[in-house]
């Protein structure tokens, strides 16, 4: 729960402070709107990720694993595009608060959100802690 709150606050900070610095991204609102956008980003990201995993599993089982020849490259190339798609959906749900003027600003914003997700994941923090303690 603590990790989710940290991720939510960092996401809200990205919406409120960082995204307006990206050319083509317009955020109109206060920090509460940014928190709401961060929560909506987390919810929609979870739903889209769940759907992508379900479709991948169905295709893999239905083709007896042959779909993996296509799915693995798609996942490797497209995992950094997923946050951009989610940001565009958040902008569709909050049109008066968040506006993207194209896919390129959404991709830049998605990369920022991906970076926040990587930093706040438990795996990343535990690997950094192990490296710091092993060098001490």
Protein backbone atom coordinates (compact mmCIF):
# COMPACT_ATOMS: atom_id res chain seq x y z
CA UNK A 1 0.00 0.00 0.00
CA UNK A 2 2.86 2.36 0.85
CA UNK A 3 4.45 1.72 -2.55
CA UNK A 4 1.13 2.54 -4.28
CA UNK A 5 0.84 5.85 -2.42
CA UNK A 6 4.42 6.78 -3.31
CA UNK A 7 3.78 5.89 -6.95
CA UNK A 8 0.54 7.88 -6.92
CA UNK A 9 2.22 10.98 -5.48
CA UNK A 10 5.12 10.72 -7.96
CA UNK A 11 2.67 10.27 -10.83
CA UNK A 12 0.69 13.28 -9.67
CA UNK A 13 3.93 15.25 -9.49
CA UNK A 14 4.71 14.20 -13.05
CA UNK A 15 1.28 15.33 -14.24
CA UNK A 16 1.48 18.61 -12.35
CA UNK A 17 5.13 19.63 -12.71
CA UNK A 18 6.85 17.61 -15.47
CA UNK A 19 4.22 17.14 -18.17
CA UNK A 20 3.65 20.89 -18.73
CA UNK A 21 7.35 21.13 -19.62
CA UNK A 22 6.86 18.69 -22.53
CA UNK A 23 5.96 20.50 -25.71
CA UNK A 24 2.52 19.35 -26.81
CA UNK A 25 1.24 18.40 -23.36
CA UNK A 26 -1.17 20.72 -21.59
CA UNK A 27 -2.28 20.11 -18.01
CA UNK A 28 -4.93 22.45 -16.62
CA UNK A 29 -5.78 21.85 -13.01
CA UNK A 30 -4.56 21.78 -9.45
CA UNK A 31 -2.70 19.05 -7.57
CA UNK A 32 -5.96 17.29 -6.71
CA UNK A 33 -6.64 16.93 -10.45
CA UNK A 34 -3.12 15.56 -10.82
CA UNK A 35 -3.79 13.00 -8.07
CA UNK A 36 -7.00 12.02 -9.82
CA UNK A 37 -5.15 11.68 -13.13
CA UNK A 38 -2.49 9.56 -11.41
CA UNK A 39 -5.12 7.28 -9.91
CA UNK A 40 -6.91 7.01 -13.26
CA UNK A 41 -3.59 6.25 -14.95
CA UNK A 42 -2.92 3.44 -12.45
CA UNK A 43 -6.43 2.00 -12.84
CA UNK A 44 -6.51 2.13 -16.64
CA UNK A 45 -2.94 0.83 -16.85
CA UNK A 46 -3.89 -2.14 -14.70
CA UNK A 47 -6.97 -2.88 -16.83
CA UNK A 48 -5.08 -2.61 -20.12
CA UNK A 49 -2.19 -4.73 -18.82
CA UNK A 50 -4.63 -7.37 -17.62
CA UNK A 51 -6.34 -7.37 -21.02
CA UNK A 52 -3.03 -7.65 -22.87
CA UNK A 53 -1.96 -10.56 -20.68
CA UNK A 54 -5.31 -12.30 -21.21
CA UNK A 55 -5.15 -11.87 -25.00
CA UNK A 56 -1.55 -13.10 -25.01
CA UNK A 57 -2.47 -16.16 -22.96
CA UNK A 58 -5.46 -16.97 -25.16
CA UNK A 59 -3.41 -16.61 -28.33
CA UNK A 60 -0.56 -18.69 -26.91
CA UNK A 61 -2.83 -21.50 -25.77
CA UNK A 62 -4.97 -21.36 -28.91
CA UNK A 63 -1.99 -21.70 -31.23
CA UNK A 64 -0.12 -24.19 -29.00
CA UNK A 65 2.65 -21.68 -28.40
CA UNK A 66 3.21 -20.61 -32.00
CA UNK A 67 1.88 -17.10 -31.25
CA UNK A 68 4.90 -16.53 -29.03
CA UNK A 69 7.01 -15.99 -32.15
CA UNK A 70 4.98 -12.83 -32.71
CA UNK A 71 4.00 -11.93 -29.14
CA UNK A 72 7.49 -11.86 -27.63
CA UNK A 73 8.85 -9.27 -30.12
CA UNK A 74 5.64 -7.26 -29.79
CA UNK A 75 5.99 -7.22 -25.98
CA UNK A 76 9.68 -6.33 -26.16
CA UNK A 77 9.09 -3.47 -28.58
CA UNK A 78 5.75 -2.31 -27.28
CA UNK A 79 6.11 -2.38 -23.50
CA UNK A 80 7.28 1.23 -23.49
CA UNK A 81 4.35 2.28 -25.70
CA UNK A 82 1.72 0.95 -23.30
CA UNK A 83 1.99 3.92 -20.88
CA UNK A 84 1.55 6.29 -23.85
CA UNK A 85 -1.69 4.55 -24.79
CA UNK A 86 -2.85 4.75 -21.16
CA UNK A 87 -1.99 8.47 -21.04
CA UNK A 88 -4.06 9.07 -24.16
CA UNK A 89 -6.97 7.25 -22.50
CA UNK A 90 -6.57 9.36 -19.35
CA UNK A 91 -6.66 12.44 -21.58
CA UNK A 92 -9.86 11.12 -23.16
CA UNK A 93 -11.44 10.69 -19.72
CA UNK A 94 -10.23 14.13 -18.53
CA UNK A 95 -10.41 16.31 -21.68
CA UNK A 96 -10.60 19.63 -19.84
CA UNK A 97 -7.61 18.78 -17.63
CA UNK A 98 -5.12 16.89 -19.82
CA UNK A 99 -4.49 17.36 -23.55
CA UNK A 100 -1.88 15.71 -25.79
CA UNK A 101 -1.32 17.27 -29.20
CA UNK A 102 -0.08 14.00 -30.71
CA UNK A 103 1.52 10.65 -30.08
CA UNK A 104 5.08 11.94 -29.66
CA UNK A 105 4.28 13.98 -26.51
CA UNK A 106 2.28 11.01 -25.21
CA UNK A 107 5.28 8.72 -25.76
CA UNK A 108 7.56 11.12 -23.87
CA UNK A 109 5.03 11.27 -21.05
CA UNK A 110 4.70 7.50 -21.15
CA UNK A 111 8.44 7.11 -20.79
CA UNK A 112 8.35 9.32 -17.70
CA UNK A 113 5.52 7.24 -16.25
CA UNK A 114 7.39 4.03 -17.11
CA UNK A 115 10.45 5.39 -15.30
CA UNK A 116 8.32 6.19 -12.23
CA UNK A 117 6.89 2.67 -12.35
CA UNK A 118 10.34 1.10 -12.56
CA UNK A 119 11.68 3.19 -9.67
CA UNK A 120 8.74 2.45 -7.39
CA UNK A 121 8.58 -1.27 -8.12
CA UNK A 122 9.81 -3.49 -5.32
CA UNK A 123 12.22 -5.37 -7.60
CA UNK A 124 14.19 -2.25 -8.51
CA UNK A 125 14.47 -1.06 -4.93
CA UNK A 126 15.61 -4.46 -3.66
CA UNK A 127 18.27 -4.74 -6.40
CA UNK A 128 19.60 -1.27 -5.58
CA UNK A 129 19.63 -2.08 -1.85
CA UNK A 130 21.53 -5.32 -2.52
CA UNK A 131 24.12 -3.50 -4.61
CA UNK A 132 24.59 -0.77 -2.03
CA UNK A 133 25.00 -3.26 0.83
CA UNK A 134 27.33 -5.52 -1.16
CA UNK A 135 29.68 -2.60 -1.92
CA UNK A 136 29.74 -1.37 1.67
